[in-house]
């Protein structure tokens, strides 16, 4: 059972903070639900409206990582408004500079792992946060990393879950030949000296 109940999570956080930082007081609590999906159904609000936050697709579907994306989006909008651009033109320009397809693919792999093999998730996140530098990890989460930096990060992650997800993802799209080619390429990259 991989489900973490609210009471258990609360107690773990309290134990962690008190062990590392001593006595503390909780003055307020906030609770919400971050959509962990790549298939958000967002209806168009109307002309002249620029969606923000989750409505603009700014939440990283696998981690809920959003703050830098929202800041960059707000700055982008502010700059374009100061140039007197119309909201539809601002949206078109933003869509041209945001997320690349490879990050969408990476997120899809991780979401597939978390959905069908949730017991693999803990190891993946531990490797991501313990074996690499925080700067590299945040650069990757910001979707600003290069392919070389991503290869370095992936080389520190457990390979089996991602090979499984790649095969599953590509097999579901009837790409058996491509799936086999990618799996063999990844094995070669990680096994070769």
N, C-alpha and C. Protein backbone atom coordinates (compact mmCIF):
# COMPACT_ATOMS: atom_id res chain seq x y z
N UNK A 1 0.86 -1.19 0.00
CA UNK A 1 0.00 0.00 0.00
C UNK A 1 0.89 1.24 0.00
N UNK A 2 0.82 2.04 -1.04
CA UNK A 2 1.67 3.22 -1.18
C UNK A 2 0.95 4.50 -0.79
N UNK A 3 -0.30 4.40 -0.36
CA UNK A 3 -1.05 5.60 -0.01
C UNK A 3 -0.57 6.14 1.33
N UNK A 4 -0.35 7.43 1.39
CA UNK A 4 0.06 8.10 2.62
C UNK A 4 -1.14 8.88 3.15
N UNK A 5 -1.66 8.44 4.28
CA UNK A 5 -2.85 9.08 4.84
C UNK A 5 -2.47 10.42 5.48
N UNK A 6 -3.43 11.32 5.53
CA UNK A 6 -3.20 12.69 6.01
C UNK A 6 -2.62 12.71 7.43
N UNK A 7 -3.16 11.90 8.32
CA UNK A 7 -2.68 11.89 9.71
C UNK A 7 -1.22 11.42 9.77
N UNK A 8 -0.91 10.38 9.00
CA UNK A 8 0.46 9.86 8.98
C UNK A 8 1.42 10.89 8.40
N UNK A 9 1.01 11.54 7.31
CA UNK A 9 1.85 12.57 6.70
C UNK A 9 2.09 13.72 7.68
N UNK A 10 1.04 14.16 8.35
CA UNK A 10 1.15 15.25 9.32
C UNK A 10 2.15 14.88 10.42
N UNK A 11 2.02 13.67 10.95
CA UNK A 11 2.91 13.25 12.04
C UNK A 11 4.36 13.15 11.56
N UNK A 12 4.56 12.66 10.35
CA UNK A 12 5.93 12.57 9.82
C UNK A 12 6.56 13.95 9.66
N UNK A 13 5.78 14.91 9.20
CA UNK A 13 6.29 16.28 9.05
C UNK A 13 6.63 16.87 10.41
N UNK A 14 5.73 16.70 11.37
CA UNK A 14 5.97 17.21 12.73
C UNK A 14 7.23 16.58 13.32
N UNK A 15 7.37 15.26 13.17
CA UNK A 15 8.55 14.57 13.69
C UNK A 15 9.82 15.07 13.02
N UNK A 16 9.78 15.24 11.71
CA UNK A 16 10.95 15.70 10.97
C UNK A 16 11.38 17.09 11.42
N UNK A 17 10.44 18.02 11.48
CA UNK A 17 10.77 19.40 11.85
C UNK A 17 11.26 19.47 13.29
N UNK A 18 10.57 18.80 14.21
CA UNK A 18 10.97 18.89 15.62
C UNK A 18 12.32 18.22 15.86
N UNK A 19 12.62 17.15 15.15
CA UNK A 19 13.90 16.47 15.30
C UNK A 19 15.05 17.35 14.80
N UNK A 20 14.84 18.03 13.70
CA UNK A 20 15.92 18.81 13.10
C UNK A 20 16.01 20.25 13.59
N UNK A 21 14.87 20.83 13.99
CA UNK A 21 14.88 22.25 14.33
C UNK A 21 14.38 22.56 15.73
N UNK A 22 13.87 21.57 16.44
CA UNK A 22 13.40 21.81 17.79
C UNK A 22 11.92 22.15 17.84
N UNK A 23 11.55 22.74 18.95
CA UNK A 23 10.15 23.06 19.20
C UNK A 23 9.63 24.11 18.21
N UNK A 24 8.39 23.95 17.81
CA UNK A 24 7.78 24.89 16.88
C UNK A 24 6.26 24.89 17.09
N UNK A 25 5.61 25.89 16.50
CA UNK A 25 4.16 26.01 16.60
C UNK A 25 3.58 26.14 15.20
N UNK A 26 2.53 25.42 14.93
CA UNK A 26 1.82 25.53 13.65
C UNK A 26 0.78 26.63 13.82
N UNK A 27 0.93 27.71 13.06
CA UNK A 27 -0.01 28.83 13.17
C UNK A 27 -1.15 28.74 12.16
N UNK A 28 -0.91 28.09 11.04
CA UNK A 28 -1.99 27.88 10.08
C UNK A 28 -1.60 26.72 9.18
N UNK A 29 -2.58 26.15 8.54
CA UNK A 29 -2.35 25.05 7.62
C UNK A 29 -3.11 25.31 6.32
N UNK A 30 -2.54 24.83 5.26
CA UNK A 30 -3.18 24.96 3.96
C UNK A 30 -3.24 23.58 3.34
N UNK A 31 -4.32 23.30 2.68
CA UNK A 31 -4.50 21.98 2.09
C UNK A 31 -5.06 22.17 0.69
N UNK A 32 -4.55 21.39 -0.24
CA UNK A 32 -5.04 21.48 -1.60
C UNK A 32 -4.73 20.22 -2.36
N UNK A 33 -5.04 20.26 -3.61
CA UNK A 33 -4.83 19.10 -4.47
C UNK A 33 -4.17 19.59 -5.76
N UNK A 34 -2.96 19.12 -5.99
CA UNK A 34 -2.25 19.48 -7.22
C UNK A 34 -2.57 18.42 -8.26
N UNK A 35 -3.07 18.82 -9.41
CA UNK A 35 -3.41 17.82 -10.44
C UNK A 35 -2.15 17.17 -11.01
N UNK A 36 -1.99 15.88 -10.78
CA UNK A 36 -0.84 15.14 -11.28
C UNK A 36 -1.29 14.39 -12.54
N UNK A 37 -1.34 15.10 -13.63
CA UNK A 37 -1.79 14.54 -14.90
C UNK A 37 -1.28 15.41 -16.05
N UNK A 38 -1.23 14.82 -17.21
CA UNK A 38 -0.90 15.58 -18.41
C UNK A 38 -2.14 15.88 -19.22
N UNK A 39 -3.29 15.51 -18.72
CA UNK A 39 -4.52 15.64 -19.49
C UNK A 39 -5.54 16.53 -18.80
N UNK A 40 -5.13 17.71 -18.43
CA UNK A 40 -6.06 18.66 -17.82
C UNK A 40 -7.06 19.14 -18.87
N UNK A 41 -8.30 19.13 -18.50
CA UNK A 41 -9.35 19.63 -19.39
C UNK A 41 -9.64 21.07 -18.96
N UNK A 42 -9.06 22.02 -19.68
CA UNK A 42 -9.21 23.42 -19.32
C UNK A 42 -10.05 24.11 -20.38
N UNK A 43 -11.20 24.57 -19.95
CA UNK A 43 -12.06 25.26 -20.91
C UNK A 43 -11.60 26.70 -21.07
N UNK A 44 -11.78 27.20 -22.27
CA UNK A 44 -11.39 28.58 -22.59
C UNK A 44 -12.31 29.53 -21.82
N UNK A 45 -11.73 30.46 -21.10
CA UNK A 45 -12.50 31.39 -20.28
C UNK A 45 -13.18 32.45 -21.16
N UNK A 46 -12.43 32.99 -22.09
CA UNK A 46 -13.00 34.01 -22.96
C UNK A 46 -11.91 34.84 -23.61
N UNK A 47 -12.30 35.61 -24.60
CA UNK A 47 -11.35 36.48 -25.28
C UNK A 47 -10.85 37.55 -24.32
N UNK A 48 -9.59 37.88 -24.47
CA UNK A 48 -9.00 38.92 -23.64
C UNK A 48 -8.55 38.44 -22.27
N UNK A 49 -8.70 37.13 -22.00
CA UNK A 49 -8.31 36.57 -20.71
C UNK A 49 -7.08 35.69 -20.90
N UNK A 50 -6.07 35.91 -20.08
CA UNK A 50 -4.87 35.09 -20.11
C UNK A 50 -4.90 34.20 -18.87
N UNK A 51 -4.96 32.90 -19.09
CA UNK A 51 -5.01 31.96 -17.98
C UNK A 51 -3.69 31.96 -17.23
N UNK A 52 -3.77 31.75 -15.93
CA UNK A 52 -2.59 31.70 -15.07
C UNK A 52 -2.57 30.38 -14.30
N UNK A 53 -1.42 30.06 -13.69
CA UNK A 53 -1.32 28.90 -12.82
C UNK A 53 -1.67 27.60 -13.50
N UNK A 54 -2.47 26.77 -12.83
CA UNK A 54 -2.82 25.46 -13.40
C UNK A 54 -3.64 25.61 -14.68
N UNK A 55 -4.47 26.65 -14.78
CA UNK A 55 -5.26 26.88 -16.00
C UNK A 55 -4.36 27.15 -17.21
N UNK A 56 -3.16 27.64 -16.96
CA UNK A 56 -2.23 27.91 -18.06
C UNK A 56 -1.28 26.73 -18.29
N UNK A 57 -1.50 25.63 -17.57
CA UNK A 57 -0.64 24.46 -17.74
C UNK A 57 0.74 24.64 -17.15
N UNK A 58 0.87 25.46 -16.11
CA UNK A 58 2.19 25.77 -15.56
C UNK A 58 2.65 24.80 -14.48
N UNK A 59 1.77 23.93 -14.01
CA UNK A 59 2.17 22.97 -12.98
C UNK A 59 2.86 21.80 -13.66
N UNK A 60 4.06 21.49 -13.21
CA UNK A 60 4.77 20.33 -13.75
C UNK A 60 4.00 19.09 -13.32
N UNK A 61 3.53 18.35 -14.28
CA UNK A 61 2.56 17.28 -14.01
C UNK A 61 3.07 16.20 -13.09
N UNK A 62 4.37 15.99 -13.01
CA UNK A 62 4.88 14.90 -12.19
C UNK A 62 5.23 15.31 -10.76
N UNK A 63 5.51 16.56 -10.54
CA UNK A 63 6.01 16.96 -9.22
C UNK A 63 5.21 18.07 -8.56
N UNK A 64 4.37 18.74 -9.32
CA UNK A 64 3.65 19.88 -8.77
C UNK A 64 4.51 21.13 -8.73
N UNK A 65 5.72 21.04 -9.25
CA UNK A 65 6.66 22.16 -9.27
C UNK A 65 6.08 23.27 -10.14
N UNK A 66 5.89 24.48 -9.55
CA UNK A 66 5.16 25.50 -10.29
C UNK A 66 5.68 26.91 -10.09
N UNK A 67 6.31 27.21 -8.96
CA UNK A 67 6.60 28.61 -8.62
C UNK A 67 7.42 29.35 -9.66
N UNK A 68 8.51 28.76 -10.12
CA UNK A 68 9.33 29.46 -11.12
C UNK A 68 8.61 29.60 -12.44
N UNK A 69 7.81 28.59 -12.80
CA UNK A 69 7.03 28.68 -14.04
C UNK A 69 6.04 29.83 -13.97
N UNK A 70 5.36 29.96 -12.81
CA UNK A 70 4.38 31.04 -12.66
C UNK A 70 5.07 32.40 -12.67
N UNK A 71 6.24 32.49 -12.04
CA UNK A 71 6.97 33.77 -12.03
C UNK A 71 7.41 34.14 -13.45
N UNK A 72 7.95 33.16 -14.17
CA UNK A 72 8.39 33.43 -15.55
C UNK A 72 7.21 33.82 -16.43
N UNK A 73 6.08 33.16 -16.23
CA UNK A 73 4.89 33.45 -17.02
C UNK A 73 4.38 34.87 -16.74
N UNK A 74 4.32 35.21 -15.45
CA UNK A 74 3.85 36.55 -15.08
C UNK A 74 4.78 37.63 -15.63
N UNK A 75 6.10 37.41 -15.55
CA UNK A 75 7.05 38.37 -16.11
C UNK A 75 6.88 38.50 -17.61
N UNK A 76 6.70 37.37 -18.28
CA UNK A 76 6.50 37.35 -19.73
C UNK A 76 5.26 38.16 -20.10
N UNK A 77 4.17 37.92 -19.37
CA UNK A 77 2.91 38.63 -19.65
C UNK A 77 3.10 40.13 -19.41
N UNK A 78 3.74 40.48 -18.29
CA UNK A 78 3.97 41.90 -17.99
C UNK A 78 4.77 42.59 -19.07
N UNK A 79 5.83 41.93 -19.54
CA UNK A 79 6.65 42.50 -20.61
C UNK A 79 5.83 42.70 -21.88
N UNK A 80 5.02 41.72 -22.23
CA UNK A 80 4.23 41.81 -23.46
C UNK A 80 3.11 42.84 -23.35
N UNK A 81 2.52 42.96 -22.19
CA UNK A 81 1.49 43.99 -21.99
C UNK A 81 2.10 45.38 -22.14
N UNK A 82 3.33 45.54 -21.62
CA UNK A 82 3.99 46.85 -21.75
C UNK A 82 4.32 47.18 -23.20
N UNK A 83 4.35 46.14 -24.06
CA UNK A 83 4.57 46.34 -25.49
C UNK A 83 3.24 46.48 -26.24
N UNK A 84 2.13 46.57 -25.47
CA UNK A 84 0.79 46.73 -26.02
C UNK A 84 0.34 45.58 -26.91
N UNK A 85 0.77 44.36 -26.59
CA UNK A 85 0.32 43.20 -27.36
C UNK A 85 -1.04 42.74 -26.85
N UNK A 86 -1.86 42.22 -27.74
CA UNK A 86 -3.18 41.68 -27.43
C UNK A 86 -3.01 40.33 -26.71
N UNK A 87 -3.96 39.97 -25.88
CA UNK A 87 -3.86 38.75 -25.08
C UNK A 87 -3.67 37.49 -25.94
N UNK A 88 -4.32 37.42 -27.10
CA UNK A 88 -4.17 36.23 -27.95
C UNK A 88 -2.75 36.14 -28.50
N UNK A 89 -2.13 37.28 -28.83
CA UNK A 89 -0.76 37.28 -29.31
C UNK A 89 0.19 36.88 -28.19
N UNK A 90 -0.09 37.32 -26.97
CA UNK A 90 0.73 36.94 -25.82
C UNK A 90 0.68 35.43 -25.62
N UNK A 91 -0.50 34.83 -25.73
CA UNK A 91 -0.64 33.38 -25.57
C UNK A 91 0.14 32.64 -26.65
N UNK A 92 0.06 33.11 -27.89
CA UNK A 92 0.77 32.47 -29.00
C UNK A 92 2.27 32.52 -28.75
N UNK A 93 2.78 33.68 -28.35
CA UNK A 93 4.22 33.81 -28.08
C UNK A 93 4.65 32.92 -26.91
N UNK A 94 3.83 32.88 -25.86
CA UNK A 94 4.18 32.05 -24.69
C UNK A 94 4.24 30.57 -25.09
N UNK A 95 3.26 30.12 -25.85
CA UNK A 95 3.25 28.72 -26.28
C UNK A 95 4.46 28.37 -27.13
N UNK A 96 5.01 29.35 -27.83
CA UNK A 96 6.19 29.12 -28.66
C UNK A 96 7.45 28.94 -27.82
N UNK A 97 7.49 29.52 -26.62
CA UNK A 97 8.72 29.45 -25.81
C UNK A 97 8.64 28.48 -24.65
N UNK A 98 7.45 27.96 -24.34
CA UNK A 98 7.34 27.08 -23.16
C UNK A 98 7.77 25.66 -23.46
N UNK A 99 7.39 24.76 -22.63
CA UNK A 99 7.79 23.36 -22.58
C UNK A 99 8.08 22.70 -23.93
N UNK A 100 9.21 21.99 -23.96
CA UNK A 100 9.56 21.22 -25.14
C UNK A 100 8.95 19.82 -25.01
N UNK A 101 8.84 19.14 -26.13
CA UNK A 101 8.21 17.82 -26.14
C UNK A 101 8.97 16.80 -25.30
N UNK A 102 10.29 16.91 -25.20
CA UNK A 102 11.02 15.88 -24.46
C UNK A 102 10.66 15.91 -22.98
N UNK A 103 10.40 17.09 -22.42
CA UNK A 103 10.01 17.15 -21.01
C UNK A 103 8.61 16.57 -20.83
N UNK A 104 7.74 16.78 -21.80
CA UNK A 104 6.42 16.16 -21.76
C UNK A 104 6.56 14.64 -21.78
N UNK A 105 7.50 14.14 -22.59
CA UNK A 105 7.76 12.70 -22.67
C UNK A 105 8.29 12.19 -21.33
N UNK A 106 9.27 12.90 -20.75
CA UNK A 106 9.83 12.48 -19.46
C UNK A 106 8.72 12.42 -18.40
N UNK A 107 7.89 13.46 -18.37
CA UNK A 107 6.80 13.49 -17.40
C UNK A 107 5.85 12.32 -17.62
N UNK A 108 5.57 12.01 -18.87
CA UNK A 108 4.69 10.89 -19.18
C UNK A 108 5.26 9.57 -18.68
N UNK A 109 6.57 9.39 -18.83
CA UNK A 109 7.20 8.17 -18.32
C UNK A 109 7.03 8.07 -16.81
N UNK A 110 7.35 9.16 -16.11
CA UNK A 110 7.26 9.12 -14.66
C UNK A 110 5.81 8.92 -14.19
N UNK A 111 4.87 9.59 -14.85
CA UNK A 111 3.47 9.41 -14.47
C UNK A 111 3.02 7.97 -14.68
N UNK A 112 3.49 7.35 -15.75
CA UNK A 112 3.14 5.96 -16.01
C UNK A 112 3.71 5.06 -14.90
N UNK A 113 4.94 5.32 -14.50
CA UNK A 113 5.55 4.55 -13.41
C UNK A 113 4.75 4.74 -12.13
N UNK A 114 4.43 5.98 -11.81
CA UNK A 114 3.72 6.26 -10.55
C UNK A 114 2.31 5.68 -10.56
N UNK A 115 1.69 5.60 -11.73
CA UNK A 115 0.34 5.05 -11.80
C UNK A 115 0.34 3.53 -11.70
N UNK A 116 1.21 2.88 -12.45
CA UNK A 116 1.16 1.42 -12.55
C UNK A 116 2.14 0.68 -11.65
N UNK A 117 3.21 1.35 -11.25
CA UNK A 117 4.23 0.74 -10.37
C UNK A 117 4.61 1.74 -9.28
N UNK A 118 3.65 2.18 -8.47
CA UNK A 118 3.92 3.24 -7.49
C UNK A 118 5.03 2.92 -6.50
N UNK A 119 5.28 1.64 -6.25
CA UNK A 119 6.35 1.27 -5.32
C UNK A 119 7.73 1.65 -5.86
N UNK A 120 7.86 1.92 -7.14
CA UNK A 120 9.14 2.36 -7.71
C UNK A 120 9.38 3.86 -7.50
N UNK A 121 8.35 4.61 -7.18
CA UNK A 121 8.47 6.07 -7.09
C UNK A 121 9.45 6.54 -6.03
N UNK A 122 9.41 5.94 -4.85
CA UNK A 122 10.29 6.38 -3.76
C UNK A 122 11.75 6.31 -4.17
N UNK A 123 12.15 5.21 -4.78
CA UNK A 123 13.54 5.05 -5.20
C UNK A 123 13.94 6.10 -6.24
N UNK A 124 13.05 6.37 -7.17
CA UNK A 124 13.34 7.37 -8.21
C UNK A 124 13.56 8.74 -7.59
N UNK A 125 12.64 9.17 -6.71
CA UNK A 125 12.77 10.49 -6.10
C UNK A 125 13.97 10.56 -5.16
N UNK A 126 14.29 9.46 -4.47
CA UNK A 126 15.47 9.46 -3.61
C UNK A 126 16.73 9.61 -4.45
N UNK A 127 16.82 8.89 -5.55
CA UNK A 127 17.99 9.01 -6.42
C UNK A 127 18.10 10.42 -7.01
N UNK A 128 16.97 10.97 -7.40
CA UNK A 128 16.96 12.31 -8.00
C UNK A 128 17.46 13.35 -7.01
N UNK A 129 17.05 13.24 -5.75
CA UNK A 129 17.40 14.26 -4.77
C UNK A 129 18.68 13.98 -4.00
N UNK A 130 19.12 12.73 -3.94
CA UNK A 130 20.30 12.40 -3.13
C UNK A 130 21.56 12.20 -3.95
N UNK A 131 21.44 11.82 -5.19
CA UNK A 131 22.63 11.48 -5.97
C UNK A 131 23.10 12.61 -6.88
N UNK A 132 22.30 13.63 -7.07
CA UNK A 132 22.70 14.73 -7.94
C UNK A 132 22.78 16.03 -7.16
N UNK A 133 23.25 17.07 -7.81
CA UNK A 133 23.30 18.37 -7.15
C UNK A 133 21.92 19.02 -7.23
N UNK A 134 21.61 19.82 -6.23
CA UNK A 134 20.31 20.50 -6.22
C UNK A 134 20.21 21.47 -7.39
N UNK A 135 21.32 22.14 -7.74
CA UNK A 135 21.29 23.07 -8.86
C UNK A 135 20.91 22.36 -10.16
N UNK A 136 21.52 21.17 -10.39
CA UNK A 136 21.20 20.41 -11.59
C UNK A 136 19.73 19.95 -11.57
N UNK A 137 19.29 19.50 -10.40
CA UNK A 137 17.91 19.02 -10.28
C UNK A 137 16.92 20.14 -10.56
N UNK A 138 17.14 21.31 -9.96
CA UNK A 138 16.21 22.42 -10.18
C UNK A 138 16.28 22.94 -11.61
N UNK A 139 17.47 22.91 -12.20
CA UNK A 139 17.60 23.31 -13.61
C UNK A 139 16.77 22.37 -14.50
N UNK A 140 16.81 21.08 -14.16
CA UNK A 140 16.02 20.09 -14.89
C UNK A 140 14.53 20.32 -14.65
N UNK A 141 14.13 20.56 -13.40
CA UNK A 141 12.72 20.80 -13.10
C UNK A 141 12.21 22.07 -13.76
N UNK A 142 13.11 23.04 -13.95
CA UNK A 142 12.75 24.27 -14.66
C UNK A 142 12.64 24.04 -16.17
N UNK A 143 13.00 22.85 -16.61
CA UNK A 143 12.99 22.49 -18.02
C UNK A 143 13.94 23.35 -18.83
N UNK A 144 15.09 23.65 -18.23
CA UNK A 144 16.11 24.45 -18.89
C UNK A 144 17.39 23.66 -19.11
N UNK A 145 17.37 22.38 -18.78
CA UNK A 145 18.56 21.56 -18.92
C UNK A 145 18.79 21.16 -20.37
N UNK A 146 20.05 20.85 -20.68
CA UNK A 146 20.41 20.37 -22.01
C UNK A 146 20.30 18.84 -22.02
N UNK A 147 20.36 18.26 -23.20
CA UNK A 147 20.31 16.80 -23.30
C UNK A 147 21.47 16.17 -22.53
N UNK A 148 22.64 16.78 -22.58
CA UNK A 148 23.80 16.25 -21.84
C UNK A 148 23.57 16.27 -20.33
N UNK A 149 23.01 17.37 -19.83
CA UNK A 149 22.71 17.46 -18.40
C UNK A 149 21.64 16.45 -18.01
N UNK A 150 20.67 16.25 -18.88
CA UNK A 150 19.61 15.28 -18.61
C UNK A 150 20.18 13.87 -18.59
N UNK A 151 21.09 13.56 -19.50
CA UNK A 151 21.72 12.23 -19.51
C UNK A 151 22.46 11.99 -18.20
N UNK A 152 23.12 13.02 -17.69
CA UNK A 152 23.84 12.91 -16.41
C UNK A 152 22.86 12.62 -15.27
N UNK A 153 21.74 13.33 -15.26
CA UNK A 153 20.72 13.12 -14.22
C UNK A 153 20.13 11.72 -14.35
N UNK A 154 19.77 11.32 -15.57
CA UNK A 154 19.15 10.01 -15.77
C UNK A 154 20.11 8.87 -15.42
N UNK A 155 21.42 9.09 -15.60
CA UNK A 155 22.38 8.03 -15.29
C UNK A 155 22.41 7.72 -13.80
N UNK A 156 21.90 8.63 -12.98
CA UNK A 156 21.88 8.43 -11.53
C UNK A 156 20.56 7.81 -11.05
N UNK A 157 19.61 7.67 -11.95
CA UNK A 157 18.30 7.13 -11.60
C UNK A 157 18.27 5.62 -11.88
N UNK A 158 17.40 4.90 -11.18
CA UNK A 158 17.26 3.47 -11.48
C UNK A 158 16.71 3.29 -12.90
N UNK A 159 17.37 2.48 -13.70
CA UNK A 159 17.05 2.40 -15.12
C UNK A 159 15.83 1.52 -15.42
N UNK A 160 15.64 0.47 -14.67
CA UNK A 160 14.56 -0.49 -14.96
C UNK A 160 13.18 0.17 -15.04
N UNK A 161 12.81 1.03 -14.08
CA UNK A 161 11.49 1.65 -14.19
C UNK A 161 11.30 2.45 -15.48
N UNK A 162 12.35 3.14 -15.93
CA UNK A 162 12.22 3.97 -17.12
C UNK A 162 12.22 3.14 -18.40
N UNK A 163 12.97 2.05 -18.39
CA UNK A 163 12.91 1.13 -19.54
C UNK A 163 11.50 0.52 -19.62
N UNK A 164 10.98 0.12 -18.48
CA UNK A 164 9.62 -0.44 -18.44
C UNK A 164 8.61 0.58 -18.96
N UNK A 165 8.70 1.83 -18.48
CA UNK A 165 7.74 2.86 -18.89
C UNK A 165 7.90 3.21 -20.37
N UNK A 166 9.14 3.24 -20.85
CA UNK A 166 9.37 3.52 -22.27
C UNK A 166 8.73 2.43 -23.13
N UNK A 167 8.96 1.19 -22.76
CA UNK A 167 8.38 0.08 -23.51
C UNK A 167 6.86 0.15 -23.46
N UNK A 168 6.31 0.43 -22.30
CA UNK A 168 4.86 0.50 -22.13
C UNK A 168 4.28 1.67 -22.94
N UNK A 169 4.91 2.83 -22.82
CA UNK A 169 4.44 4.03 -23.51
C UNK A 169 4.47 3.84 -25.03
N UNK A 170 5.59 3.40 -25.51
CA UNK A 170 5.73 3.26 -26.96
C UNK A 170 4.94 2.07 -27.48
N UNK A 171 4.84 1.01 -26.70
CA UNK A 171 4.05 -0.15 -27.11
C UNK A 171 2.58 0.22 -27.23
N UNK A 172 2.10 1.05 -26.31
CA UNK A 172 0.70 1.46 -26.37
C UNK A 172 0.40 2.29 -27.61
N UNK A 173 1.41 2.89 -28.19
CA UNK A 173 1.22 3.72 -29.37
C UNK A 173 1.63 2.96 -30.64
N UNK A 174 1.72 1.65 -30.52
CA UNK A 174 2.07 0.79 -31.65
C UNK A 174 3.43 1.13 -32.26
N UNK A 175 4.39 1.41 -31.41
CA UNK A 175 5.75 1.69 -31.87
C UNK A 175 6.70 0.60 -31.36
N UNK A 176 6.36 -0.65 -31.58
CA UNK A 176 7.18 -1.73 -31.03
C UNK A 176 8.62 -1.66 -31.51
N UNK A 177 8.83 -1.40 -32.79
CA UNK A 177 10.19 -1.34 -33.33
C UNK A 177 10.98 -0.18 -32.73
N UNK A 178 10.33 0.98 -32.65
CA UNK A 178 10.98 2.16 -32.06
C UNK A 178 11.24 1.91 -30.58
N UNK A 179 10.30 1.27 -29.89
CA UNK A 179 10.45 0.96 -28.47
C UNK A 179 11.69 0.11 -28.25
N UNK A 180 11.84 -0.93 -29.04
CA UNK A 180 13.00 -1.80 -28.90
C UNK A 180 14.29 -1.03 -29.19
N UNK A 181 14.29 -0.19 -30.21
CA UNK A 181 15.47 0.61 -30.55
C UNK A 181 15.85 1.55 -29.40
N UNK A 182 14.87 2.22 -28.80
CA UNK A 182 15.15 3.13 -27.69
C UNK A 182 15.69 2.36 -26.49
N UNK A 183 15.07 1.23 -26.16
CA UNK A 183 15.51 0.45 -25.02
C UNK A 183 16.94 -0.03 -25.23
N UNK A 184 17.26 -0.55 -26.41
CA UNK A 184 18.62 -1.00 -26.68
C UNK A 184 19.61 0.16 -26.64
N UNK A 185 19.22 1.33 -27.14
CA UNK A 185 20.09 2.50 -27.10
C UNK A 185 20.37 2.93 -25.67
N UNK A 186 19.33 2.94 -24.85
CA UNK A 186 19.50 3.33 -23.44
C UNK A 186 20.39 2.34 -22.73
N UNK A 187 20.17 1.06 -22.95
CA UNK A 187 21.03 0.05 -22.32
C UNK A 187 22.47 0.26 -22.75
N UNK A 188 22.71 0.49 -24.04
CA UNK A 188 24.06 0.73 -24.53
C UNK A 188 24.68 1.95 -23.86
N UNK A 189 23.93 3.04 -23.74
CA UNK A 189 24.46 4.26 -23.13
C UNK A 189 24.85 4.05 -21.67
N UNK A 190 24.05 3.30 -20.93
CA UNK A 190 24.29 3.13 -19.51
C UNK A 190 25.29 2.01 -19.21
N UNK A 191 25.45 1.05 -20.12
CA UNK A 191 26.33 -0.07 -19.88
C UNK A 191 27.73 0.18 -20.43
N UNK A 192 27.83 0.93 -21.51
CA UNK A 192 29.13 1.15 -22.13
C UNK A 192 30.02 2.01 -21.24
N UNK A 193 31.35 1.73 -21.29
CA UNK A 193 32.30 2.46 -20.41
C UNK A 193 32.44 3.91 -20.75
